[in-house]
Amino acid sequence: MSDSTTTSQPILWISAGLKVSVNQSAEHAKKELNVLQRQTIKEEGCIFFDVLQHRDDPNSFTLWEKWINEAALKEHFNQVHTKDYLALSLTEVTYIEKLVKLT
């Protein structure tokens, strides 16, 4: 069975890297990322949204996300909780990978 929605659009997987911004703390970023995660998983188009902190660099985080489609991801950035997190400027994006599962 392929990894797709009922409309045959592929499920969208995201891997995103974040680095704590200058003059911000990893602890504050971690606290707010947990808030973001708890709100994001309630979104209709979110299948999962995990936040991982790097063992060797506590100022680095990876987001692993799975969305029903690209539109759901776009809608995520219109949500109040996402805008609130971004407005804090706690982290900077170091990379974003949009992925599709092969099988």
PDB file of N, CA and C in Angstrom:
ATOM      1  N   MET A   1       0.845  -1.182   0.000  1.00  0.00           N
ATOM      2  CA  MET A   1       0.000   0.000   0.000  1.00  0.00           C
ATOM      3  C   MET A   1       0.885   1.237   0.000  1.00  0.00           C
ATOM      4  N   SER A   2       0.598   2.184  -0.836  1.00  0.00           N
ATOM      5  CA  SER A   2       1.415   3.388  -0.924  1.00  0.00           C
ATOM      6  C   SER A   2       1.030   4.382   0.167  1.00  0.00           C
ATOM      7  N   ASP A   3       1.911   5.313   0.411  1.00  0.00           N
ATOM      8  CA  ASP A   3       1.724   6.336   1.430  1.00  0.00           C
ATOM      9  C   ASP A   3       1.058   7.539   0.789  1.00  0.00           C
ATOM     10  N   SER A   4      -0.275   7.502   0.670  1.00  0.00           N
ATOM     11  CA  SER A   4      -0.976   8.599   0.006  1.00  0.00           C
ATOM     12  C   SER A   4      -2.339   8.810   0.652  1.00  0.00           C
ATOM     13  N   THR A   5      -2.916   9.953   0.373  1.00  0.00           N
ATOM     14  CA  THR A   5      -4.247  10.258   0.873  1.00  0.00           C
ATOM     15  C   THR A   5      -5.280   9.657  -0.052  1.00  0.00           C
ATOM     16  N   THR A   6      -6.536   9.779   0.309  1.00  0.00           N
ATOM     17  CA  THR A   6      -7.599   9.223  -0.526  1.00  0.00           C
ATOM     18  C   THR A   6      -7.722   9.962  -1.855  1.00  0.00           C
ATOM     19  N   THR A   7      -7.184  11.168  -1.956  1.00  0.00           N
ATOM     20  CA  THR A   7      -7.239  11.913  -3.213  1.00  0.00           C
ATOM     21  C   THR A   7      -5.990  11.666  -4.057  1.00  0.00           C
ATOM     22  N   SER A   8      -5.207  10.692  -3.725  1.00  0.00           N
ATOM     23  CA  SER A   8      -3.959  10.303  -4.383  1.00  0.00           C
ATOM     24  C   SER A   8      -2.852  11.340  -4.347  1.00  0.00           C
ATOM     25  N   GLN A   9      -2.982  12.355  -3.536  1.00  0.00           N
ATOM     26  CA  GLN A   9      -1.848  13.247  -3.310  1.00  0.00           C
ATOM     27  C   GLN A   9      -0.930  12.555  -2.312  1.00  0.00           C
ATOM     28  N   PRO A  10       0.351  12.621  -2.555  1.00  0.00           N
ATOM     29  CA  PRO A  10       1.259  11.936  -1.632  1.00  0.00           C
ATOM     30  C   PRO A  10       1.279  12.603  -0.260  1.00  0.00           C
ATOM     31  N   ILE A  11       1.408  11.752   0.733  1.00  0.00           N
ATOM     32  CA  ILE A  11       1.643  12.237   2.093  1.00  0.00           C
ATOM     33  C   ILE A  11       2.950  13.030   2.050  1.00  0.00           C
ATOM     34  N   LEU A  12       2.987  14.140   2.752  1.00  0.00           N
ATOM     35  CA  LEU A  12       4.174  14.983   2.776  1.00  0.00           C
ATOM     36  C   LEU A  12       4.926  14.785   4.083  1.00  0.00           C
ATOM     37  N   TRP A  13       6.172  14.397   3.962  1.00  0.00           N
ATOM     38  CA  TRP A  13       7.070  14.246   5.103  1.00  0.00           C
ATOM     39  C   TRP A  13       7.992  15.451   5.119  1.00  0.00           C
ATOM     40  N   ILE A  14       8.277  15.953   6.308  1.00  0.00           N
ATOM     41  CA  ILE A  14       9.171  17.095   6.466  1.00  0.00           C
ATOM     42  C   ILE A  14      10.244  16.757   7.490  1.00  0.00           C
ATOM     43  N   SER A  15      11.457  17.110   7.172  1.00  0.00           N
ATOM     44  CA  SER A  15      12.555  17.126   8.136  1.00  0.00           C
ATOM     45  C   SER A  15      13.092  18.551   8.118  1.00  0.00           C
ATOM     46  N   ALA A  16      13.070  19.194   9.272  1.00  0.00           N
ATOM     47  CA  ALA A  16      13.513  20.585   9.346  1.00  0.00           C
ATOM     48  C   ALA A  16      14.498  20.744  10.501  1.00  0.00           C
ATOM     49  N   GLY A  17      15.564  21.465  10.241  1.00  0.00           N
ATOM     50  CA  GLY A  17      16.560  21.731  11.262  1.00  0.00           C
ATOM     51  C   GLY A  17      16.393  23.131  11.826  1.00  0.00           C
ATOM     52  N   LEU A  18      16.521  23.240  13.136  1.00  0.00           N
ATOM     53  CA  LEU A  18      16.433  24.529  13.816  1.00  0.00           C
ATOM     54  C   LEU A  18      17.656  24.717  14.697  1.00  0.00           C
ATOM     55  N   LYS A  19      18.103  25.940  14.800  1.00  0.00           N
ATOM     56  CA  LYS A  19      19.226  26.321  15.666  1.00  0.00           C
ATOM     57  C   LYS A  19      18.726  27.450  16.555  1.00  0.00           C
ATOM     58  N   VAL A  20      19.057  27.384  17.846  1.00  0.00           N
ATOM     59  CA  VAL A  20      18.650  28.443  18.778  1.00  0.00           C
ATOM     60  C   VAL A  20      19.283  29.760  18.329  1.00  0.00           C
ATOM     61  N   SER A  21      18.462  30.798  18.288  1.00  0.00           N
ATOM     62  CA  SER A  21      18.925  32.126  17.867  1.00  0.00           C
ATOM     63  C   SER A  21      19.897  32.717  18.895  1.00  0.00           C
ATOM     64  N   VAL A  22      20.730  33.631  18.422  1.00  0.00           N
ATOM     65  CA  VAL A  22      21.668  34.339  19.295  1.00  0.00           C
ATOM     66  C   VAL A  22      20.875  35.039  20.400  1.00  0.00           C
ATOM     67  N   ASN A  23      21.408  35.010  21.597  1.00  0.00           N
ATOM     68  CA  ASN A  23      20.799  35.630  22.782  1.00  0.00           C
ATOM     69  C   ASN A  23      19.499  34.960  23.229  1.00  0.00           C
ATOM     70  N   GLN A  24      19.258  33.736  22.789  1.00  0.00           N
ATOM     71  CA  GLN A  24      18.118  32.948  23.255  1.00  0.00           C
ATOM     72  C   GLN A  24      18.649  31.693  23.937  1.00  0.00           C
ATOM     73  N   SER A  25      17.844  31.085  24.779  1.00  0.00           N
ATOM     74  CA  SER A  25      18.299  29.881  25.480  1.00  0.00           C
ATOM     75  C   SER A  25      17.654  28.625  24.895  1.00  0.00           C
ATOM     76  N   ALA A  26      18.411  27.539  24.934  1.00  0.00           N
ATOM     77  CA  ALA A  26      17.902  26.250  24.462  1.00  0.00           C
ATOM     78  C   ALA A  26      16.714  25.812  25.315  1.00  0.00           C
ATOM     79  N   GLU A  27      16.748  26.083  26.605  1.00  0.00           N
ATOM     80  CA  GLU A  27      15.653  25.689  27.494  1.00  0.00           C
ATOM     81  C   GLU A  27      14.355  26.407  27.129  1.00  0.00           C
ATOM     82  N   HIS A  28      14.445  27.703  26.848  1.00  0.00           N
ATOM     83  CA  HIS A  28      13.255  28.452  26.456  1.00  0.00           C
ATOM     84  C   HIS A  28      12.737  27.945  25.108  1.00  0.00           C
ATOM     85  N   ALA A  29      13.644  27.716  24.168  1.00  0.00           N
ATOM     86  CA  ALA A  29      13.245  27.184  22.858  1.00  0.00           C
ATOM     87  C   ALA A  29      12.568  25.827  23.023  1.00  0.00           C
ATOM     88  N   LYS A  30      13.143  24.954  23.844  1.00  0.00           N
ATOM     89  CA  LYS A  30      12.579  23.627  24.060  1.00  0.00           C
ATOM     90  C   LYS A  30      11.163  23.726  24.646  1.00  0.00           C
ATOM     91  N   LYS A  31      10.988  24.599  25.617  1.00  0.00           N
ATOM     92  CA  LYS A  31       9.667  24.792  26.237  1.00  0.00           C
ATOM     93  C   LYS A  31       8.640  25.231  25.190  1.00  0.00           C
ATOM     94  N   GLU A  32       8.994  26.205  24.387  1.00  0.00           N
ATOM     95  CA  GLU A  32       8.056  26.733  23.390  1.00  0.00           C
ATOM     96  C   GLU A  32       7.848  25.771  22.230  1.00  0.00           C
ATOM     97  N   LEU A  33       8.870  25.001  21.869  1.00  0.00           N
ATOM     98  CA  LEU A  33       8.698  23.979  20.831  1.00  0.00           C
ATOM     99  C   LEU A  33       7.738  22.889  21.306  1.00  0.00           C
ATOM    100  N   ASN A  34       7.784  22.572  22.584  1.00  0.00           N
ATOM    101  CA  ASN A  34       6.833  21.594  23.135  1.00  0.00           C
ATOM    102  C   ASN A  34       5.405  22.121  23.062  1.00  0.00           C
ATOM    103  N   VAL A  35       5.220  23.407  23.339  1.00  0.00           N
ATOM    104  CA  VAL A  35       3.900  24.027  23.203  1.00  0.00           C
ATOM    105  C   VAL A  35       3.450  23.939  21.744  1.00  0.00           C
ATOM    106  N   LEU A  36       4.337  24.302  20.831  1.00  0.00           N
ATOM    107  CA  LEU A  36       4.020  24.232  19.399  1.00  0.00           C
ATOM    108  C   LEU A  36       3.637  22.807  19.000  1.00  0.00           C
ATOM    109  N   GLN A  37       4.392  21.835  19.467  1.00  0.00           N
ATOM    110  CA  GLN A  37       4.123  20.435  19.121  1.00  0.00           C
ATOM    111  C   GLN A  37       2.748  20.009  19.615  1.00  0.00           C
ATOM    112  N   ARG A  38       2.414  20.337  20.854  1.00  0.00           N
ATOM    113  CA  ARG A  38       1.119  19.933  21.413  1.00  0.00           C
ATOM    114  C   ARG A  38      -0.053  20.540  20.643  1.00  0.00           C
ATOM    115  N   GLN A  39       0.115  21.758  20.146  1.00  0.00           N
ATOM    116  CA  GLN A  39      -0.947  22.400  19.374  1.00  0.00           C
ATOM    117  C   GLN A  39      -0.992  21.884  17.938  1.00  0.00           C
ATOM    118  N   THR A  40       0.181  21.668  17.354  1.00  0.00           N
ATOM    119  CA  THR A  40       0.248  21.250  15.952  1.00  0.00           C
ATOM    120  C   THR A  40      -0.375  19.882  15.737  1.00  0.00           C
ATOM    121  N   ILE A  41      -0.161  18.952  16.655  1.00  0.00           N
ATOM    122  CA  ILE A  41      -0.713  17.600  16.456  1.00  0.00           C
ATOM    123  C   ILE A  41      -2.241  17.589  16.503  1.00  0.00           C
ATOM    124  N   LYS A  42      -2.854  18.681  16.942  1.00  0.00           N
ATOM    125  CA  LYS A  42      -4.318  18.789  16.938  1.00  0.00           C
ATOM    126  C   LYS A  42      -4.854  19.260  15.584  1.00  0.00           C
ATOM    127  N   GLU A  43      -3.964  19.737  14.711  1.00  0.00           N
ATOM    128  CA  GLU A  43      -4.400  20.230  13.404  1.00  0.00           C
ATOM    129  C   GLU A  43      -4.936  19.075  12.557  1.00  0.00           C
ATOM    130  N   GLU A  44      -5.994  19.351  11.828  1.00  0.00           N
ATOM    131  CA  GLU A  44      -6.662  18.332  11.032  1.00  0.00           C
ATOM    132  C   GLU A  44      -5.726  17.639  10.037  1.00  0.00           C
ATOM    133  N   GLY A  45      -4.825  18.380   9.421  1.00  0.00           N
ATOM    134  CA  GLY A  45      -3.962  17.809   8.393  1.00  0.00           C
ATOM    135  C   GLY A  45      -2.652  17.238   8.890  1.00  0.00           C
ATOM    136  N   CYS A  46      -2.426  17.299  10.198  1.00  0.00           N
ATOM    137  CA  CYS A  46      -1.161  16.808  10.762  1.00  0.00           C
ATOM    138  C   CYS A  46      -1.306  15.348  11.170  1.00  0.00           C
ATOM    139  N   ILE A  47      -0.438  14.505  10.646  1.00  0.00           N
ATOM    140  CA  ILE A  47      -0.415  13.095  11.029  1.00  0.00           C
ATOM    141  C   ILE A  47       0.497  12.921  12.235  1.00  0.00           C
ATOM    142  N   PHE A  48       1.662  13.509  12.186  1.00  0.00           N
ATOM    143  CA  PHE A  48       2.490  13.617  13.384  1.00  0.00           C
ATOM    144  C   PHE A  48       3.469  14.761  13.255  1.00  0.00           C
ATOM    145  N   PHE A  49       3.965  15.198  14.404  1.00  0.00           N
ATOM    146  CA  PHE A  49       4.879  16.339  14.477  1.00  0.00           C
ATOM    147  C   PHE A  49       5.751  16.096  15.706  1.00  0.00           C
ATOM    148  N   ASP A  50       6.976  15.688  15.479  1.00  0.00           N
ATOM    149  CA  ASP A  50       7.902  15.384  16.572  1.00  0.00           C
ATOM    150  C   ASP A  50       9.012  16.410  16.619  1.00  0.00           C
ATOM    151  N   VAL A  51       9.414  16.772  17.829  1.00  0.00           N
ATOM    152  CA  VAL A  51      10.528  17.688  18.055  1.00  0.00           C
ATOM    153  C   VAL A  51      11.627  16.894  18.739  1.00  0.00           C
ATOM    154  N   LEU A  52      12.817  16.923  18.150  1.00  0.00           N
ATOM    155  CA  LEU A  52      13.955  16.206  18.722  1.00  0.00           C
ATOM    156  C   LEU A  52      15.084  17.192  18.996  1.00  0.00           C
ATOM    157  N   GLN A  53      15.699  17.050  20.160  1.00  0.00           N
ATOM    158  CA  GLN A  53      16.856  17.880  20.504  1.00  0.00           C
ATOM    159  C   GLN A  53      18.112  17.050  20.270  1.00  0.00           C
ATOM    160  N   HIS A  54      19.103  17.660  19.666  1.00  0.00           N
ATOM    161  CA  HIS A  54      20.348  16.946  19.365  1.00  0.00           C
ATOM    162  C   HIS A  54      21.115  16.651  20.651  1.00  0.00           C
ATOM    163  N   ARG A  55      21.598  15.445  20.770  1.00  0.00           N
ATOM    164  CA  ARG A  55      22.350  15.035  21.959  1.00  0.00           C
ATOM    165  C   ARG A  55      23.668  15.789  22.095  1.00  0.00           C
ATOM    166  N   ASP A  56      24.367  15.955  20.968  1.00  0.00           N
ATOM    167  CA  ASP A  56      25.696  16.571  21.006  1.00  0.00           C
ATOM    168  C   ASP A  56      25.669  18.082  20.892  1.00  0.00           C
ATOM    169  N   ASP A  57      24.519  18.641  20.584  1.00  0.00           N
ATOM    170  CA  ASP A  57      24.388  20.098  20.454  1.00  0.00           C
ATOM    171  C   ASP A  57      22.994  20.501  20.919  1.00  0.00           C
ATOM    172  N   PRO A  58      22.834  20.821  22.209  1.00  0.00           N
ATOM    173  CA  PRO A  58      21.508  21.142  22.729  1.00  0.00           C
ATOM    174  C   PRO A  58      20.885  22.403  22.146  1.00  0.00           C
ATOM    175  N   ASN A  59      21.643  23.153  21.370  1.00  0.00           N
ATOM    176  CA  ASN A  59      21.098  24.328  20.695  1.00  0.00           C
ATOM    177  C   ASN A  59      20.522  24.000  19.316  1.00  0.00           C
ATOM    178  N   SER A  60      20.514  22.717  18.969  1.00  0.00           N
ATOM    179  CA  SER A  60      19.983  22.282  17.673  1.00  0.00           C
ATOM    180  C   SER A  60      18.807  21.334  17.879  1.00  0.00           C
ATOM    181  N   PHE A  61      17.795  21.511  17.026  1.00  0.00           N
ATOM    182  CA  PHE A  61      16.596  20.682  17.069  1.00  0.00           C
ATOM    183  C   PHE A  61      16.275  20.214  15.657  1.00  0.00           C
ATOM    184  N   THR A  62      15.607  19.079  15.569  1.00  0.00           N
ATOM    185  CA  THR A  62      15.081  18.587  14.298  1.00  0.00           C
ATOM    186  C   THR A  62      13.586  18.375  14.470  1.00  0.00           C
ATOM    187  N   LEU A  63      12.826  18.839  13.491  1.00  0.00           N
ATOM    188  CA  LEU A  63      11.392  18.586  13.451  1.00  0.00           C
ATOM    189  C   LEU A  63      11.152  17.484  12.438  1.00  0.00           C
ATOM    190  N   TRP A  64      10.436  16.437  12.838  1.00  0.00           N
ATOM    191  CA  TRP A  64       9.988  15.393  11.927  1.00  0.00           C
ATOM    192  C   TRP A  64       8.488  15.519  11.853  1.00  0.00           C
ATOM    193  N   GLU A  65       7.999  15.740  10.655  1.00  0.00           N
ATOM    194  CA  GLU A  65       6.580  16.023  10.462  1.00  0.00           C
ATOM    195  C   GLU A  65       6.012  15.143   9.361  1.00  0.00           C
ATOM    196  N   LYS A  66       4.723  14.858   9.479  1.00  0.00           N
ATOM    197  CA  LYS A  66       4.012  14.117   8.444  1.00  0.00           C
ATOM    198  C   LYS A  66       2.648  14.776   8.288  1.00  0.00           C
ATOM    199  N   TRP A  67       2.361  15.224   7.061  1.00  0.00           N
ATOM    200  CA  TRP A  67       1.138  15.962   6.736  1.00  0.00           C
ATOM    201  C   TRP A  67       0.353  15.219   5.671  1.00  0.00           C
ATOM    202  N   ILE A  68      -0.977  15.408   5.673  1.00  0.00           N
ATOM    203  CA  ILE A  68      -1.795  14.700   4.680  1.00  0.00           C
ATOM    204  C   ILE A  68      -1.508  15.180   3.268  1.00  0.00           C
ATOM    205  N   ASN A  69      -1.030  16.444   3.143  1.00  0.00           N
ATOM    206  CA  ASN A  69      -0.658  16.977   1.833  1.00  0.00           C
ATOM    207  C   ASN A  69       0.004  18.348   2.017  1.00  0.00           C
ATOM    208  N   GLU A  70       0.438  18.926   0.935  1.00  0.00           N
ATOM    209  CA  GLU A  70       1.116  20.231   0.946  1.00  0.00           C
ATOM    210  C   GLU A  70       0.186  21.335   1.465  1.00  0.00           C
ATOM    211  N   ALA A  71      -1.088  21.253   1.133  1.00  0.00           N
ATOM    212  CA  ALA A  71      -2.049  22.272   1.584  1.00  0.00           C
ATOM    213  C   ALA A  71      -2.155  22.286   3.111  1.00  0.00           C
ATOM    214  N   ALA A  72      -2.097  21.123   3.723  1.00  0.00           N
ATOM    215  CA  ALA A  72      -2.160  21.047   5.192  1.00  0.00           C
ATOM    216  C   ALA A  72      -0.944  21.717   5.814  1.00  0.00           C
ATOM    217  N   LEU A  73       0.215  21.526   5.203  1.00  0.00           N
ATOM    218  CA  LEU A  73       1.421  22.189   5.711  1.00  0.00           C
ATOM    219  C   LEU A  73       1.290  23.700   5.570  1.00  0.00           C
ATOM    220  N   LYS A  74       0.799  24.149   4.441  1.00  0.00           N
ATOM    221  CA  LYS A  74       0.611  25.597   4.241  1.00  0.00           C
ATOM    222  C   LYS A  74      -0.358  26.161   5.269  1.00  0.00           C
ATOM    223  N   GLU A  75      -1.418  25.442   5.552  1.00  0.00           N
ATOM    224  CA  GLU A  75      -2.400  25.890   6.547  1.00  0.00           C
ATOM    225  C   GLU A  75      -1.782  25.963   7.946  1.00  0.00           C
ATOM    226  N   HIS A  76      -0.833  25.076   8.226  1.00  0.00           N
ATOM    227  CA  HIS A  76      -0.128  25.082   9.515  1.00  0.00           C
ATOM    228  C   HIS A  76       0.487  26.462   9.781  1.00  0.00           C
ATOM    229  N   PHE A  77       1.020  27.089   8.745  1.00  0.00           N
ATOM    230  CA  PHE A  77       1.677  28.391   8.925  1.00  0.00           C
ATOM    231  C   PHE A  77       0.676  29.538   9.068  1.00  0.00           C
ATOM    232  N   ASN A  78      -0.612  29.250   8.888  1.00  0.00           N
ATOM    233  CA  ASN A  78      -1.657  30.242   9.128  1.00  0.00           C
ATOM    234  C   ASN A  78      -2.255  30.133  10.529  1.00  0.00           C
ATOM    235  N   GLN A  79      -1.864  29.108  11.266  1.00  0.00           N
ATOM    236  CA  GLN A  79      -2.413  28.874  12.596  1.00  0.00           C
ATOM    237  C   GLN A  79      -1.827  29.849  13.624  1.00  0.00           C
ATOM    238  N   VAL A  80      -2.644  30.252  14.583  1.00  0.00           N
ATOM    239  CA  VAL A  80      -2.211  31.199  15.621  1.00  0.00           C
ATOM    240  C   VAL A  80      -1.013  30.656  16.395  1.00  0.00           C
ATOM    241  N   HIS A  81      -1.049  29.377  16.768  1.00  0.00           N
ATOM    242  CA  HIS A  81       0.053  28.820  17.560  1.00  0.00           C
ATOM    243  C   HIS A  81       1.370  28.822  16.782  1.00  0.00           C
ATOM    244  N   THR A  82       1.308  28.622  15.482  1.00  0.00           N
ATOM    245  CA  THR A  82       2.531  28.669  14.668  1.00  0.00           C
ATOM    246  C   THR A  82       3.042  30.102  14.571  1.00  0.00           C
ATOM    247  N   LYS A  83       2.150  31.037  14.313  1.00  0.00           N
ATOM    248  CA  LYS A  83       2.545  32.452  14.244  1.00  0.00           C
ATOM    249  C   LYS A  83       3.093  32.934  15.581  1.00  0.00           C
ATOM    250  N   ASP A  84       2.482  32.491  16.678  1.00  0.00           N
ATOM    251  CA  ASP A  84       2.968  32.878  18.011  1.00  0.00           C
ATOM    252  C   ASP A  84       4.390  32.369  18.242  1.00  0.00           C
ATOM    253  N   TYR A  85       4.647  31.095  17.874  1.00  0.00           N
ATOM    254  CA  TYR A  85       5.996  30.556  18.045  1.00  0.00           C
ATOM    255  C   TYR A  85       7.001  31.335  17.188  1.00  0.00           C
ATOM    256  N   LEU A  86       6.684  31.555  15.932  1.00  0.00           N
ATOM    257  CA  LEU A  86       7.602  32.257  15.034  1.00  0.00           C
ATOM    258  C   LEU A  86       7.877  33.684  15.513  1.00  0.00           C
ATOM    259  N   ALA A  87       6.883  34.333  16.102  1.00  0.00           N
ATOM    260  CA  ALA A  87       7.042  35.709  16.585  1.00  0.00           C
ATOM    261  C   ALA A  87       8.042  35.803  17.746  1.00  0.00           C
ATOM    262  N   LEU A  88       8.262  34.690  18.443  1.00  0.00           N
ATOM    263  CA  LEU A  88       9.217  34.682  19.559  1.00  0.00           C
ATOM    264  C   LEU A  88      10.669  34.760  19.087  1.00  0.00           C
ATOM    265  N   SER A  89      10.926  34.384  17.849  1.00  0.00           N
ATOM    266  CA  SER A  89      12.287  34.399  17.261  1.00  0.00           C
ATOM    267  C   SER A  89      13.291  33.624  18.107  1.00  0.00           C
ATOM    268  N   LEU A  90      12.870  32.482  18.622  1.00  0.00           N
ATOM    269  CA  LEU A  90      13.745  31.663  19.459  1.00  0.00           C
ATOM    270  C   LEU A  90      14.719  30.819  18.650  1.00  0.00           C
ATOM    271  N   THR A  91      14.310  30.449  17.446  1.00  0.00           N
ATOM    272  CA  THR A  91      15.131  29.572  16.612  1.00  0.00           C
ATOM    273  C   THR A  91      15.157  30.086  15.179  1.00  0.00           C
ATOM    274  N   GLU A  92      16.183  29.619  14.468  1.00  0.00           N
ATOM    275  CA  GLU A  92      16.314  29.912  13.043  1.00  0.00           C
ATOM    276  C   GLU A  92      16.329  28.590  12.290  1.00  0.00           C
ATOM    277  N   VAL A  93      15.709  28.571  11.143  1.00  0.00           N
ATOM    278  CA  VAL A  93      15.673  27.367  10.315  1.00  0.00           C
ATOM    279  C   VAL A  93      17.022  27.209   9.624  1.00  0.00           C
ATOM    280  N   THR A  94      17.615  26.024   9.746  1.00  0.00           N
ATOM    281  CA  THR A  94      18.890  25.750   9.074  1.00  0.00           C
ATOM    282  C   THR A  94      18.684  24.950   7.789  1.00  0.00           C
ATOM    283  N   TYR A  95      17.593  24.177   7.735  1.00  0.00           N
ATOM    284  CA  TYR A  95      17.247  23.470   6.503  1.00  0.00           C
ATOM    285  C   TYR A  95      15.799  23.000   6.585  1.00  0.00           C
ATOM    286  N   ILE A  96      15.199  22.796   5.427  1.00  0.00           N
ATOM    287  CA  ILE A  96      13.885  22.160   5.316  1.00  0.00           C
ATOM    288  C   ILE A  96      13.963  21.173   4.158  1.00  0.00           C
ATOM    289  N   GLU A  97      13.577  19.939   4.433  1.00  0.00           N
ATOM    290  CA  GLU A  97      13.506  18.909   3.397  1.00  0.00           C
ATOM    291  C   GLU A  97      12.058  18.459   3.269  1.00  0.00           C
ATOM    292  N   LYS A  98      11.512  18.551   2.080  1.00  0.00           N
ATOM    293  CA  LYS A  98      10.178  18.015   1.798  1.00  0.00           C
ATOM    294  C   LYS A  98      10.384  16.665   1.132  1.00  0.00           C
ATOM    295  N   LEU A  99       9.818  15.626   1.741  1.00  0.00           N
ATOM    296  CA  LEU A  99      10.120  14.269   1.329  1.00  0.00           C
ATOM    297  C   LEU A  99       8.847  13.509   0.968  1.00  0.00           C
ATOM    298  N   VAL A 100       8.995  12.512   0.114  1.00  0.00           N
ATOM    299  CA  VAL A 100       7.920  11.601  -0.237  1.00  0.00           C
ATOM    300  C   VAL A 100       8.456  10.191  -0.034  1.00  0.00           C
ATOM    301  N   LYS A 101       7.686   9.388   0.666  1.00  0.00           N
ATOM    302  CA  LYS A 101       8.077   8.003   0.940  1.00  0.00           C
ATOM    303  C   LYS A 101       8.012   7.201  -0.357  1.00  0.00           C
ATOM    304  N   LEU A 102       9.021   6.365  -0.597  1.00  0.00           N
ATOM    305  CA  LEU A 102       9.095   5.605  -1.839  1.00  0.00           C
ATOM    306  C   LEU A 102       8.119   4.443  -1.881  1.00  0.00           C
ATOM    307  N   THR A 103       7.913   3.775  -0.773  1.00  0.00           N
ATOM    308  CA  THR A 103       6.997   2.628  -0.764  1.00  0.00           C
ATOM    309  C   THR A 103       6.019   2.727   0.361  1.00  0.00           C
TER     310      THR A 103
END
